[in-house]
Amino acid sequence: MDRLCSLISTKRRKRKIPLGIIDSADASHEAGITTVEPNKSCEFSTTSDLCICIVTWNMNGKVSYEDIKELVGRDRKYDVLVAGLQEVARSNIVGLFEDALADTHILLGKALMQSQQLYIFGSKKSHLFIEDVEIDKHDVGGCGGLIRRKKGAVAIRIRYKGIQLVFISCHLSAHVHNVEERNSQCRHISHSLFSKTWNPSAKPAPVTVWLGDLNYRLQGINTLPARNLIQNNLHGLLTTQDQLLQEAERGQVFNGYCEGTLAFKPTYKYDIGSRGYDTSYKIRAPAWTDRILFKIEDEDINATLHSYESVDSIDSSDHKPVKAHLCLKLNKMDQREQV
């Protein structure tokens, strides 16, 4: 164990930004993902212009109303809830969310592609702030089956309080060896979404959020050593083995994006109904397959990441949901109409 920890910890780590505060010009032209330490002191919209709760979850074809209530939380002071779902159950998912959010939020938009679904809910006063809601999707193949595991992405572009936001929820190819395929899918999705209405002279969206089951695994470490580190609460050492961070640092995907520190345990693969990792004959190595990344490309927007965590209490799937709390502050309100 000591030797393994030493080998992992000597690898170079991506630089970090403390306290969750992101400068829009920082890392925008640098290969790799900027790791952000979440700032826990969120006062919701009292100190921000727009607070967003973001959720991604591979449901593995199962869901309950109790799960949805747990996802949306009790303290729902956020302006917007974004929920990206993969391997969605054949149920009225949007109805479950609407019931759980009935007192505080309403549906603003949805994008669907078989087992992938993306929803945006806003506060009940959202009609005063939204405009230009567009949806798109891009299929990169995948198999069928009972839960229709089509791969690709669904997306919603929305202007809220004058800020153009793009949310992309994806499900990429599985298995540890398919790294280049996942990289290629990311690039195809990025280039294809909203391409029919793309204006080459237009500025990029000020805020873009990618979420979903990106399916990147741990590289160069077997399942038992990985589980030993997790069991000893040393899972932070595994981030150097994370394929997504490795590929981003190579400049293959997500250049200029930010992500919270992977302080939570890997979210896949769990035995259903438990908090223990896979005990099937495959004994799959744990991995952070489920991720939320964001990019700010407007110098007049300050972003603060307040939390990035898994929801371990939900155990109906072999994936744990992941949540992020991202707040935006506008420096110059008079420039919003020019975005």
C-alpha atoms as a PDB file:
ATOM      1  CA  MET A   1       0.000   0.000   0.000  1.00  0.00           C
ATOM      2  CA  ASP A   2       2.732   2.503   0.966  1.00  0.00           C
ATOM      3  CA  ARG A   3       4.649   1.810  -2.232  1.00  0.00           C
ATOM      4  CA  LEU A   4       1.507   2.233  -4.352  1.00  0.00           C
ATOM      5  CA  CYS A   5       0.629   5.519  -2.646  1.00  0.00           C
ATOM      6  CA  SER A   6       4.168   6.773  -3.261  1.00  0.00           C
ATOM      7  CA  LEU A   7       4.064   5.878  -6.943  1.00  0.00           C
ATOM      8  CA  ILE A   8       0.733   7.597  -7.484  1.00  0.00           C
ATOM      9  CA  SER A   9       1.488  10.747  -5.497  1.00  0.00           C
ATOM     10  CA  THR A  10       4.716  11.490  -7.384  1.00  0.00           C
ATOM     11  CA  LYS A  11       2.876  12.059 -10.668  1.00  0.00           C
ATOM     12  CA  ARG A  12       2.304  15.651 -11.722  1.00  0.00           C
ATOM     13  CA  ARG A  13      -1.045  17.114 -10.717  1.00  0.00           C
ATOM     14  CA  LYS A  14      -3.042  19.756 -12.538  1.00  0.00           C
ATOM     15  CA  ARG A  15      -2.881  23.136 -10.834  1.00  0.00           C
ATOM     16  CA  LYS A  16      -5.745  24.138  -8.595  1.00  0.00           C
ATOM     17  CA  ILE A  17      -7.664  27.345  -7.993  1.00  0.00           C
ATOM     18  CA  PRO A  18      -8.724  27.828  -4.346  1.00  0.00           C
ATOM     19  CA  LEU A  19     -12.138  28.694  -2.985  1.00  0.00           C
ATOM     20  CA  GLY A  20     -14.091  27.903  -6.121  1.00  0.00           C
ATOM     21  CA  ILE A  21     -13.690  31.342  -7.701  1.00  0.00           C
ATOM     22  CA  ILE A  22     -12.940  31.239 -11.420  1.00  0.00           C
ATOM     23  CA  ASP A  23     -11.478  34.087 -13.426  1.00  0.00           C
ATOM     24  CA  SER A  24     -13.009  33.881 -16.908  1.00  0.00           C
ATOM     25  CA  ALA A  25      -9.638  34.479 -18.546  1.00  0.00           C
ATOM     26  CA  ASP A  26      -7.870  31.817 -16.494  1.00  0.00           C
ATOM     27  CA  ALA A  27      -6.901  28.577 -18.294  1.00  0.00           C
ATOM     28  CA  SER A  28      -9.062  29.407 -21.311  1.00  0.00           C
ATOM     29  CA  HIS A  29      -6.189  28.702 -23.717  1.00  0.00           C
ATOM     30  CA  GLU A  30      -4.351  26.097 -21.674  1.00  0.00           C
ATOM     31  CA  ALA A  31      -4.540  22.372 -22.285  1.00  0.00           C
ATOM     32  CA  GLY A  32      -6.131  20.526 -19.425  1.00  0.00           C
ATOM     33  CA  ILE A  33      -8.894  20.926 -16.892  1.00  0.00           C
ATOM     34  CA  THR A  34      -8.473  23.461 -14.114  1.00  0.00           C
ATOM     35  CA  THR A  35      -9.324  21.862 -10.785  1.00  0.00           C
ATOM     36  CA  VAL A  36     -11.340  24.106  -8.480  1.00  0.00           C
ATOM     37  CA  GLU A  37     -11.659  23.763  -4.712  1.00  0.00           C
ATOM     38  CA  PRO A  38     -15.355  24.349  -3.910  1.00  0.00           C
ATOM     39  CA  ASN A  39     -16.228  27.295  -1.687  1.00  0.00           C
ATOM     40  CA  LYS A  40     -18.803  26.068   0.822  1.00  0.00           C
ATOM     41  CA  SER A  41     -20.061  29.508   1.894  1.00  0.00           C
ATOM     42  CA  CYS A  42     -22.862  29.936  -0.649  1.00  0.00           C
ATOM     43  CA  GLU A  43     -25.564  32.419   0.291  1.00  0.00           C
ATOM     44  CA  PHE A  44     -27.543  31.470  -2.789  1.00  0.00           C
ATOM     45  CA  SER A  45     -28.936  34.340  -4.811  1.00  0.00           C
ATOM     46  CA  THR A  46     -28.345  36.930  -2.091  1.00  0.00           C
ATOM     47  CA  THR A  47     -24.774  37.384  -3.342  1.00  0.00           C
ATOM     48  CA  SER A  48     -25.087  36.086  -6.926  1.00  0.00           C
ATOM     49  CA  ASP A  49     -27.049  36.972 -10.024  1.00  0.00           C
ATOM     50  CA  LEU A  50     -27.722  33.357 -10.948  1.00  0.00           C
ATOM     51  CA  CYS A  51     -27.360  30.181  -8.872  1.00  0.00           C
ATOM     52  CA  ILE A  52     -27.480  26.831 -10.674  1.00  0.00           C
ATOM     53  CA  CYS A  53     -27.818  23.363  -9.198  1.00  0.00           C
ATOM     54  CA  ILE A  54     -26.545  20.751 -11.673  1.00  0.00           C
ATOM     55  CA  VAL A  55     -27.235  17.019 -11.385  1.00  0.00           C
ATOM     56  CA  THR A  56     -26.066  14.086 -13.495  1.00  0.00           C
ATOM     57  CA  TRP A  57     -27.192  10.515 -12.905  1.00  0.00           C
ATOM     58  CA  ASN A  58     -27.067   7.235 -14.795  1.00  0.00           C
ATOM     59  CA  MET A  59     -30.276   5.601 -13.529  1.00  0.00           C
ATOM     60  CA  ASN A  60     -29.587   2.097 -14.872  1.00  0.00           C
ATOM     61  CA  GLY A  61     -33.250   1.890 -15.836  1.00  0.00           C
ATOM     62  CA  LYS A  62     -34.635   2.359 -12.328  1.00  0.00           C
ATOM     63  CA  VAL A  63     -36.070   5.287 -10.382  1.00  0.00           C
ATOM     64  CA  SER A  64     -38.390   6.138  -7.514  1.00  0.00           C
ATOM     65  CA  TYR A  65     -40.072   9.328  -6.350  1.00  0.00           C
ATOM     66  CA  GLU A  66     -37.981   9.190  -3.179  1.00  0.00           C
ATOM     67  CA  ASP A  67     -34.805   9.234  -5.314  1.00  0.00           C
ATOM     68  CA  ILE A  68     -35.970  12.332  -7.161  1.00  0.00           C
ATOM     69  CA  LYS A  69     -36.843  14.125  -3.916  1.00  0.00           C
ATOM     70  CA  GLU A  70     -33.383  13.317  -2.605  1.00  0.00           C
ATOM     71  CA  LEU A  71     -31.808  14.683  -5.793  1.00  0.00           C
ATOM     72  CA  VAL A  72     -33.587  18.034  -5.806  1.00  0.00           C
ATOM     73  CA  GLY A  73     -32.955  18.550  -2.093  1.00  0.00           C
ATOM     74  CA  ARG A  74     -34.977  20.262   0.578  1.00  0.00           C
ATOM     75  CA  ASP A  75     -33.360  23.702   0.474  1.00  0.00           C
ATOM     76  CA  ARG A  76     -34.144  24.761  -3.089  1.00  0.00           C
ATOM     77  CA  LYS A  77     -33.149  28.412  -3.166  1.00  0.00           C
ATOM     78  CA  TYR A  78     -31.237  27.929  -6.422  1.00  0.00           C
ATOM     79  CA  ASP A  79     -32.609  29.793  -9.432  1.00  0.00           C
ATOM     80  CA  VAL A  80     -32.161  26.940 -11.879  1.00  0.00           C
ATOM     81  CA  LEU A  81     -31.965  23.150 -11.587  1.00  0.00           C
ATOM     82  CA  VAL A  82     -30.346  21.269 -14.471  1.00  0.00           C
ATOM     83  CA  ALA A  83     -30.819  17.482 -14.479  1.00  0.00           C
ATOM     84  CA  GLY A  84     -28.991  15.315 -17.016  1.00  0.00           C
ATOM     85  CA  LEU A  85     -30.049  11.663 -16.919  1.00  0.00           C
ATOM     86  CA  GLN A  86     -28.733   8.567 -18.676  1.00  0.00           C
ATOM     87  CA  GLU A  87     -30.246   5.075 -19.003  1.00  0.00           C
ATOM     88  CA  VAL A  88     -33.521   6.582 -17.893  1.00  0.00           C
ATOM     89  CA  ALA A  89     -36.281   4.316 -16.661  1.00  0.00           C
ATOM     90  CA  ARG A  90     -39.404   3.909 -18.779  1.00  0.00           C
ATOM     91  CA  SER A  91     -41.351   6.162 -16.439  1.00  0.00           C
ATOM     92  CA  ASN A  92     -42.770   9.660 -16.424  1.00  0.00           C
ATOM     93  CA  ILE A  93     -39.510  11.159 -15.196  1.00  0.00           C
ATOM     94  CA  VAL A  94     -40.461  14.758 -15.858  1.00  0.00           C
ATOM     95  CA  GLY A  95     -43.670  14.202 -13.888  1.00  0.00           C
ATOM     96  CA  LEU A  96     -41.684  12.952 -10.898  1.00  0.00           C
ATOM     97  CA  PHE A  97     -39.461  16.033 -11.013  1.00  0.00           C
ATOM     98  CA  GLU A  98     -42.428  18.371 -11.394  1.00  0.00           C
ATOM     99  CA  ASP A  99     -44.126  16.784  -8.381  1.00  0.00           C
ATOM    100  CA  ALA A 100     -40.967  17.054  -6.285  1.00  0.00           C
ATOM    101  CA  LEU A 101     -40.423  20.686  -7.321  1.00  0.00           C
ATOM    102  CA  ALA A 102     -44.073  21.767  -7.371  1.00  0.00           C
ATOM    103  CA  ASP A 103     -43.709  24.336  -4.581  1.00  0.00           C
ATOM    104  CA  THR A 104     -40.688  26.142  -5.978  1.00  0.00           C
ATOM    105  CA  HIS A 105     -39.814  25.466  -9.633  1.00  0.00           C
ATOM    106  CA  ILE A 106     -41.337  24.952 -13.076  1.00  0.00           C
ATOM    107  CA  LEU A 107     -40.100  23.231 -16.233  1.00  0.00           C
ATOM    108  CA  LEU A 108     -38.305  25.576 -18.645  1.00  0.00           C
ATOM    109  CA  GLY A 109     -37.020  23.146 -21.241  1.00  0.00           C
ATOM    110  CA  LYS A 110     -36.261  19.524 -22.042  1.00  0.00           C
ATOM    111  CA  ALA A 111     -34.171  17.606 -24.562  1.00  0.00           C
ATOM    112  CA  LEU A 112     -34.753  13.883 -25.091  1.00  0.00           C
ATOM    113  CA  MET A 113     -33.015  11.102 -27.041  1.00  0.00           C
ATOM    114  CA  GLN A 114     -34.169   7.632 -26.066  1.00  0.00           C
ATOM    115  CA  SER A 115     -32.579   6.853 -22.680  1.00  0.00           C
ATOM    116  CA  GLN A 116     -30.926  10.269 -22.387  1.00  0.00           C
ATOM    117  CA  GLN A 117     -32.903  13.159 -20.963  1.00  0.00           C
ATOM    118  CA  LEU A 118     -32.005  16.705 -19.997  1.00  0.00           C
ATOM    119  CA  TYR A 119     -34.306  19.015 -18.051  1.00  0.00           C
ATOM    120  CA  ILE A 120     -34.050  22.610 -16.904  1.00  0.00           C
ATOM    121  CA  PHE A 121     -36.288  23.867 -14.127  1.00  0.00           C
ATOM    122  CA  GLY A 122     -36.461  27.472 -12.989  1.00  0.00           C
ATOM    123  CA  SER A 123     -38.019  29.346 -10.122  1.00  0.00           C
ATOM    124  CA  LYS A 124     -41.681  30.211 -10.506  1.00  0.00           C
ATOM    125  CA  LYS A 125     -40.731  33.729 -11.586  1.00  0.00           C
ATOM    126  CA  SER A 126     -38.552  32.396 -14.404  1.00  0.00           C
ATOM    127  CA  HIS A 127     -40.900  33.632 -17.116  1.00  0.00           C
ATOM    128  CA  LEU A 128     -39.602  37.119 -16.331  1.00  0.00           C
ATOM    129  CA  PHE A 129     -36.005  36.128 -17.102  1.00  0.00           C
ATOM    130  CA  ILE A 130     -35.880  33.525 -19.886  1.00  0.00           C
ATOM    131  CA  GLU A 131     -35.716  33.777 -23.658  1.00  0.00           C
ATOM    132  CA  ASP A 132     -34.301  31.938 -26.674  1.00  0.00           C
ATOM    133  CA  VAL A 133     -34.690  28.362 -25.470  1.00  0.00           C
ATOM    134  CA  GLU A 134     -33.258  25.935 -28.063  1.00  0.00           C
ATOM    135  CA  ILE A 135     -32.698  22.188 -27.965  1.00  0.00           C
ATOM    136  CA  ASP A 136     -30.494  19.837 -29.972  1.00  0.00           C
ATOM    137  CA  LYS A 137     -29.113  16.297 -29.858  1.00  0.00           C
ATOM    138  CA  HIS A 138     -26.329  14.290 -31.458  1.00  0.00           C
ATOM    139  CA  ASP A 139     -26.252  10.516 -31.762  1.00  0.00           C
ATOM    140  CA  VAL A 140     -22.895   8.704 -31.741  1.00  0.00           C
ATOM    141  CA  GLY A 141     -24.341   5.188 -31.837  1.00  0.00           C
ATOM    142  CA  GLY A 142     -24.674   2.587 -29.142  1.00  0.00           C
ATOM    143  CA  CYS A 143     -26.765  -0.511 -28.584  1.00  0.00           C
ATOM    144  CA  GLY A 144     -30.460  -0.880 -27.899  1.00  0.00           C
ATOM    145  CA  GLY A 145     -31.789  -3.199 -25.248  1.00  0.00           C
ATOM    146  CA  LEU A 146     -34.367  -2.838 -22.523  1.00  0.00           C
ATOM    147  CA  ILE A 147     -33.101   0.578 -21.448  1.00  0.00           C
ATOM    148  CA  ARG A 148     -32.108   1.765 -24.945  1.00  0.00           C
ATOM    149  CA  ARG A 149     -28.486   2.653 -24.222  1.00  0.00           C
ATOM    150  CA  LYS A 150     -27.970   5.029 -27.130  1.00  0.00           C
ATOM    151  CA  LYS A 151     -24.756   7.035 -26.842  1.00  0.00           C
ATOM    152  CA  GLY A 152     -24.396  10.712 -27.695  1.00  0.00           C
ATOM    153  CA  ALA A 153     -25.647  13.949 -26.186  1.00  0.00           C
ATOM    154  CA  VAL A 154     -28.682  16.144 -25.709  1.00  0.00           C
ATOM    155  CA  ALA A 155     -28.368  19.883 -25.184  1.00  0.00           C
ATOM    156  CA  ILE A 156     -30.309  22.985 -24.229  1.00  0.00           C
ATOM    157  CA  ARG A 157     -29.269  26.550 -24.991  1.00  0.00           C
ATOM    158  CA  ILE A 158     -31.095  29.193 -22.980  1.00  0.00           C
ATOM    159  CA  ARG A 159     -30.741  32.871 -22.182  1.00  0.00           C
ATOM    160  CA  TYR A 160     -31.517  33.497 -18.526  1.00  0.00           C
ATOM    161  CA  LYS A 161     -31.231  36.958 -16.977  1.00  0.00           C
ATOM    162  CA  GLY A 162     -29.406  38.006 -20.127  1.00  0.00           C
ATOM    163  CA  ILE A 163     -26.758  35.279 -19.838  1.00  0.00           C
ATOM    164  CA  GLN A 164     -26.557  32.712 -22.620  1.00  0.00           C
ATOM    165  CA  LEU A 165     -26.080  29.263 -21.107  1.00  0.00           C
ATOM    166  CA  VAL A 166     -25.411  25.963 -22.877  1.00  0.00           C
ATOM    167  CA  PHE A 167     -25.955  22.667 -21.074  1.00  0.00           C
ATOM    168  CA  ILE A 168     -24.760  19.434 -22.693  1.00  0.00           C
ATOM    169  CA  SER A 169     -25.673  16.086 -21.152  1.00  0.00           C
ATOM    170  CA  CYS A 170     -23.882  13.105 -22.666  1.00  0.00           C
ATOM    171  CA  HIS A 171     -23.375   9.359 -22.427  1.00  0.00           C
ATOM    172  CA  LEU A 172     -20.113   8.183 -23.996  1.00  0.00           C
ATOM    173  CA  SER A 173     -18.747   4.745 -24.867  1.00  0.00           C
ATOM    174  CA  ALA A 174     -17.901   2.398 -22.020  1.00  0.00           C
ATOM    175  CA  HIS A 175     -14.872   0.246 -21.120  1.00  0.00           C
ATOM    176  CA  VAL A 176     -11.378   1.243 -20.082  1.00  0.00           C
ATOM    177  CA  HIS A 177      -9.783   0.684 -23.511  1.00  0.00           C
ATOM    178  CA  ASN A 178     -12.130   3.007 -25.440  1.00  0.00           C
ATOM    179  CA  VAL A 179     -10.338   6.228 -24.479  1.00  0.00           C
ATOM    180  CA  GLU A 180      -9.779   7.480 -28.033  1.00  0.00           C
ATOM    181  CA  GLU A 181     -13.378   6.670 -28.932  1.00  0.00           C
ATOM    182  CA  ARG A 182     -14.606   8.786 -26.039  1.00  0.00           C
ATOM    183  CA  ASN A 183     -12.279  11.610 -27.076  1.00  0.00           C
ATOM    184  CA  SER A 184     -13.614  11.449 -30.623  1.00  0.00           C
ATOM    185  CA  GLN A 185     -17.218  11.434 -29.412  1.00  0.00           C
ATOM    186  CA  CYS A 186     -16.585  14.542 -27.312  1.00  0.00           C
ATOM    187  CA  ARG A 187     -15.186  16.364 -30.332  1.00  0.00           C
ATOM    188  CA  HIS A 188     -18.022  15.278 -32.637  1.00  0.00           C
ATOM    189  CA  ILE A 189     -20.642  16.300 -30.108  1.00  0.00           C
ATOM    190  CA  SER A 190     -19.013  19.673 -29.538  1.00  0.00           C
ATOM    191  CA  HIS A 191     -18.801  20.432 -33.275  1.00  0.00           C
ATOM    192  CA  SER A 192     -22.268  19.120 -34.148  1.00  0.00           C
ATOM    193  CA  LEU A 193     -24.571  20.589 -31.504  1.00  0.00           C
ATOM    194  CA  PHE A 194     -26.425  23.704 -32.708  1.00  0.00           C
ATOM    195  CA  SER A 195     -24.374  23.628 -35.926  1.00  0.00           C
ATOM    196  CA  LYS A 196     -27.437  24.378 -38.056  1.00  0.00           C
ATOM    197  CA  THR A 197     -27.815  27.777 -36.406  1.00  0.00           C
ATOM    198  CA  TRP A 198     -24.091  28.417 -35.909  1.00  0.00           C
ATOM    199  CA  ASN A 199     -22.876  31.876 -36.846  1.00  0.00           C
ATOM    200  CA  PRO A 200     -19.113  31.885 -37.551  1.00  0.00           C
ATOM    201  CA  SER A 201     -18.853  35.523 -36.478  1.00  0.00           C
ATOM    202  CA  ALA A 202     -20.677  35.003 -33.194  1.00  0.00           C
ATOM    203  CA  LYS A 203     -18.914  34.797 -29.845  1.00  0.00           C
ATOM    204  CA  PRO A 204     -18.889  31.445 -28.028  1.00  0.00           C
ATOM    205  CA  ALA A 205     -21.494  30.950 -25.331  1.00  0.00           C
ATOM    206  CA  PRO A 206     -20.394  32.773 -22.161  1.00  0.00           C
ATOM    207  CA  VAL A 207     -21.183  29.713 -20.027  1.00  0.00           C
ATOM    208  CA  THR A 208     -21.040  26.080 -21.154  1.00  0.00           C
ATOM    209  CA  VAL A 209     -21.656  23.121 -18.846  1.00  0.00           C
ATOM    210  CA  TRP A 210     -20.954  19.488 -19.776  1.00  0.00           C
ATOM    211  CA  LEU A 211     -22.434  16.796 -17.586  1.00  0.00           C
ATOM    212  CA  GLY A 212     -23.158  13.115 -17.847  1.00  0.00           C
ATOM    213  CA  ASP A 213     -21.784   9.609 -17.823  1.00  0.00           C
ATOM    214  CA  LEU A 214     -18.564  10.389 -19.663  1.00  0.00           C
ATOM    215  CA  ASN A 215     -17.387   6.847 -18.920  1.00  0.00           C
ATOM    216  CA  TYR A 216     -13.672   7.683 -18.510  1.00  0.00           C
ATOM    217  CA  ARG A 217     -12.045   5.116 -16.223  1.00  0.00           C
ATOM    218  CA  LEU A 218      -8.895   4.670 -14.147  1.00  0.00           C
ATOM    219  CA  GLN A 219      -5.792   3.910 -16.194  1.00  0.00           C
ATOM    220  CA  GLY A 220      -2.856   1.815 -15.034  1.00  0.00           C
ATOM    221  CA  ILE A 221      -4.246   0.504 -11.765  1.00  0.00           C
ATOM    222  CA  ASN A 222      -6.153  -2.700 -11.066  1.00  0.00           C
ATOM    223  CA  THR A 223      -9.392  -2.963  -9.149  1.00  0.00           C
ATOM    224  CA  LEU A 224      -8.028  -4.360  -5.870  1.00  0.00           C
ATOM    225  CA  PRO A 225      -5.296  -1.714  -5.313  1.00  0.00           C
ATOM    226  CA  ALA A 226      -7.844   0.972  -6.248  1.00  0.00           C
ATOM    227  CA  ARG A 227     -10.386  -0.383  -3.786  1.00  0.00           C
ATOM    228  CA  ASN A 228      -7.752  -0.577  -1.054  1.00  0.00           C
ATOM    229  CA  LEU A 229      -7.012   3.124  -1.464  1.00  0.00           C
ATOM    230  CA  ILE A 230     -10.730   3.982  -1.414  1.00  0.00           C
ATOM    231  CA  GLN A 231     -11.307   1.844   1.661  1.00  0.00           C
ATOM    232  CA  ASN A 232      -8.519   3.715   3.442  1.00  0.00           C
ATOM    233  CA  ASN A 233     -10.043   7.071   2.394  1.00  0.00           C
ATOM    234  CA  LEU A 234      -7.101   7.709   0.042  1.00  0.00           C
ATOM    235  CA  HIS A 235      -9.156   7.935  -3.159  1.00  0.00           C
ATOM    236  CA  GLY A 236      -7.703  11.395  -3.824  1.00  0.00           C
ATOM    237  CA  LEU A 237      -4.506   9.645  -4.872  1.00  0.00           C
ATOM    238  CA  LEU A 238      -6.392   7.980  -7.720  1.00  0.00           C
ATOM    239  CA  THR A 239      -7.041  11.235  -9.572  1.00  0.00           C
ATOM    240  CA  THR A 240      -3.659  10.926 -11.311  1.00  0.00           C
ATOM    241  CA  GLN A 241      -4.966   7.692 -12.851  1.00  0.00           C
ATOM    242  CA  ASP A 242      -8.172   9.318 -14.109  1.00  0.00           C
ATOM    243  CA  GLN A 243      -8.409   9.056 -17.897  1.00  0.00           C
ATOM    244  CA  LEU A 244     -10.439  12.241 -18.321  1.00  0.00           C
ATOM    245  CA  LEU A 245      -7.850  14.384 -16.548  1.00  0.00           C
ATOM    246  CA  GLN A 246      -5.067  12.601 -18.433  1.00  0.00           C
ATOM    247  CA  GLU A 247      -6.682  13.148 -21.834  1.00  0.00           C
ATOM    248  CA  ALA A 248      -7.502  16.767 -21.058  1.00  0.00           C
ATOM    249  CA  GLU A 249      -3.901  17.416 -20.077  1.00  0.00           C
ATOM    250  CA  ARG A 250      -2.823  15.903 -23.413  1.00  0.00           C
ATOM    251  CA  GLY A 251      -5.031  18.518 -25.085  1.00  0.00           C
ATOM    252  CA  GLN A 252      -7.472  15.956 -26.459  1.00  0.00           C
ATOM    253  CA  VAL A 253     -10.673  17.111 -24.719  1.00  0.00           C
ATOM    254  CA  PHE A 254     -12.133  19.898 -22.571  1.00  0.00           C
ATOM    255  CA  ASN A 255      -9.417  22.507 -23.026  1.00  0.00           C
ATOM    256  CA  GLY A 256     -10.069  25.470 -20.757  1.00  0.00           C
ATOM    257  CA  TYR A 257     -12.795  23.755 -18.741  1.00  0.00           C
ATOM    258  CA  CYS A 258     -13.010  23.723 -14.954  1.00  0.00           C
ATOM    259  CA  GLU A 259     -14.064  20.954 -12.605  1.00  0.00           C
ATOM    260  CA  GLY A 260     -14.381  20.686  -8.869  1.00  0.00           C
ATOM    261  CA  THR A 261     -11.945  18.608  -6.877  1.00  0.00           C
ATOM    262  CA  LEU A 262     -12.722  14.887  -6.997  1.00  0.00           C
ATOM    263  CA  ALA A 263     -13.026  14.703  -3.228  1.00  0.00           C
ATOM    264  CA  PHE A 264     -15.860  12.179  -3.366  1.00  0.00           C
ATOM    265  CA  LYS A 265     -15.384   8.465  -3.979  1.00  0.00           C
ATOM    266  CA  PRO A 266     -15.598   7.057  -7.525  1.00  0.00           C
ATOM    267  CA  THR A 267     -19.247   6.865  -8.565  1.00  0.00           C
ATOM    268  CA  TYR A 268     -19.161   3.562 -10.508  1.00  0.00           C
ATOM    269  CA  LYS A 269     -19.702   0.600 -10.321  1.00  0.00           C
ATOM    270  CA  TYR A 270     -21.779  -0.178  -7.230  1.00  0.00           C
ATOM    271  CA  ASP A 271     -23.828  -3.208  -6.311  1.00  0.00           C
ATOM    272  CA  ILE A 272     -27.427  -2.061  -6.671  1.00  0.00           C
ATOM    273  CA  GLY A 273     -29.052  -1.393  -3.321  1.00  0.00           C
ATOM    274  CA  SER A 274     -25.760  -0.929  -1.513  1.00  0.00           C
ATOM    275  CA  ARG A 275     -22.795   1.369  -0.989  1.00  0.00           C
ATOM    276  CA  GLY A 276     -20.329  -1.339  -1.924  1.00  0.00           C
ATOM    277  CA  TYR A 277     -18.491  -1.704  -5.222  1.00  0.00           C
ATOM    278  CA  ASP A 278     -19.135  -4.385  -7.823  1.00  0.00           C
ATOM    279  CA  THR A 279     -19.000  -7.959  -6.534  1.00  0.00           C
ATOM    280  CA  SER A 280     -20.035  -9.594  -9.816  1.00  0.00           C
ATOM    281  CA  TYR A 281     -17.641 -11.918 -11.590  1.00  0.00           C
ATOM    282  CA  LYS A 282     -16.227  -8.936 -13.517  1.00  0.00           C
ATOM    283  CA  ILE A 283     -15.252  -7.095 -10.309  1.00  0.00           C
ATOM    284  CA  ARG A 284     -15.010  -3.809 -12.234  1.00  0.00           C
ATOM    285  CA  ALA A 285     -12.513  -1.230 -11.074  1.00  0.00           C
ATOM    286  CA  PRO A 286     -14.168   1.851  -9.521  1.00  0.00           C
ATOM    287  CA  ALA A 287     -14.091   5.036 -11.607  1.00  0.00           C
ATOM    288  CA  TRP A 288     -15.321   8.629 -11.702  1.00  0.00           C
ATOM    289  CA  THR A 289     -17.481   8.035 -14.761  1.00  0.00           C
ATOM    290  CA  ASP A 290     -20.047  10.717 -13.838  1.00  0.00           C
ATOM    291  CA  ARG A 291     -18.801  14.290 -14.150  1.00  0.00           C
ATOM    292  CA  ILE A 292     -19.770  17.955 -14.341  1.00  0.00           C
ATOM    293  CA  LEU A 293     -17.438  20.429 -16.083  1.00  0.00           C
ATOM    294  CA  PHE A 294     -17.919  24.066 -16.991  1.00  0.00           C
ATOM    295  CA  LYS A 295     -16.288  26.807 -19.014  1.00  0.00           C
ATOM    296  CA  ILE A 296     -16.647  30.577 -18.630  1.00  0.00           C
ATOM    297  CA  GLU A 297     -15.794  32.631 -21.722  1.00  0.00           C
ATOM    298  CA  ASP A 298     -16.905  36.105 -20.709  1.00  0.00           C
ATOM    299  CA  GLU A 299     -14.650  38.423 -18.728  1.00  0.00           C
ATOM    300  CA  ASP A 300     -17.727  40.077 -17.224  1.00  0.00           C
ATOM    301  CA  ILE A 301     -18.871  36.876 -15.512  1.00  0.00           C
ATOM    302  CA  ASN A 302     -17.368  35.605 -12.273  1.00  0.00           C
ATOM    303  CA  ALA A 303     -18.220  32.005 -11.419  1.00  0.00           C
ATOM    304  CA  THR A 304     -18.027  30.407  -7.997  1.00  0.00           C
ATOM    305  CA  LEU A 305     -18.283  26.657  -7.487  1.00  0.00           C
ATOM    306  CA  HIS A 306     -19.806  26.065  -4.067  1.00  0.00           C
ATOM    307  CA  SER A 307     -20.047  22.281  -4.055  1.00  0.00           C
ATOM    308  CA  TYR A 308     -19.173  19.204  -6.098  1.00  0.00           C
ATOM    309  CA  GLU A 309     -20.240  15.915  -4.577  1.00  0.00           C
ATOM    310  CA  SER A 310     -21.853  12.529  -5.063  1.00  0.00           C
ATOM    311  CA  VAL A 311     -25.203  11.579  -3.556  1.00  0.00           C
ATOM    312  CA  ASP A 312     -24.233   8.365  -1.785  1.00  0.00           C
ATOM    313  CA  SER A 313     -27.621   7.924  -0.107  1.00  0.00           C
ATOM    314  CA  ILE A 314     -29.223   6.957  -3.449  1.00  0.00           C
ATOM    315  CA  ASP A 315     -28.491   3.296  -4.161  1.00  0.00           C
ATOM    316  CA  SER A 316     -31.099   2.193  -6.737  1.00  0.00           C
ATOM    317  CA  SER A 317     -28.528   2.320  -9.579  1.00  0.00           C
ATOM    318  CA  ASP A 318     -25.003   1.041 -10.103  1.00  0.00           C
ATOM    319  CA  HIS A 319     -23.976   4.727 -10.437  1.00  0.00           C
ATOM    320  CA  LYS A 320     -24.127   7.392  -7.747  1.00  0.00           C
ATOM    321  CA  PRO A 321     -25.576  10.745  -8.837  1.00  0.00           C
ATOM    322  CA  VAL A 322     -23.248  13.751  -8.876  1.00  0.00           C
ATOM    323  CA  LYS A 323     -24.285  17.320  -7.993  1.00  0.00           C
ATOM    324  CA  ALA A 324     -22.634  20.697  -8.403  1.00  0.00           C
ATOM    325  CA  HIS A 325     -23.673  24.139  -7.190  1.00  0.00           C
ATOM    326  CA  LEU A 326     -22.427  26.914  -9.483  1.00  0.00           C
ATOM    327  CA  CYS A 327     -23.163  30.611  -8.974  1.00  0.00           C
ATOM    328  CA  LEU A 328     -22.587  33.429 -11.461  1.00  0.00           C
ATOM    329  CA  LYS A 329     -22.015  37.098 -10.765  1.00  0.00           C
ATOM    330  CA  LEU A 330     -22.161  39.750 -13.481  1.00  0.00           C
ATOM    331  CA  ASN A 331     -19.579  42.518 -13.377  1.00  0.00           C
ATOM    332  CA  LYS A 332     -21.293  44.783 -15.917  1.00  0.00           C
ATOM    333  CA  MET A 333     -25.035  44.405 -16.166  1.00  0.00           C
ATOM    334  CA  ASP A 334     -25.290  46.878 -19.026  1.00  0.00           C
ATOM    335  CA  GLN A 335     -23.377  44.516 -21.348  1.00  0.00           C
ATOM    336  CA  ARG A 336     -25.767  41.558 -21.069  1.00  0.00           C
ATOM    337  CA  GLU A 337     -27.812  42.518 -24.059  1.00  0.00           C
ATOM    338  CA  GLN A 338     -24.668  42.459 -26.221  1.00  0.00           C
ATOM    339  CA  VAL A 339     -23.820  38.816 -25.440  1.00  0.00           C
END
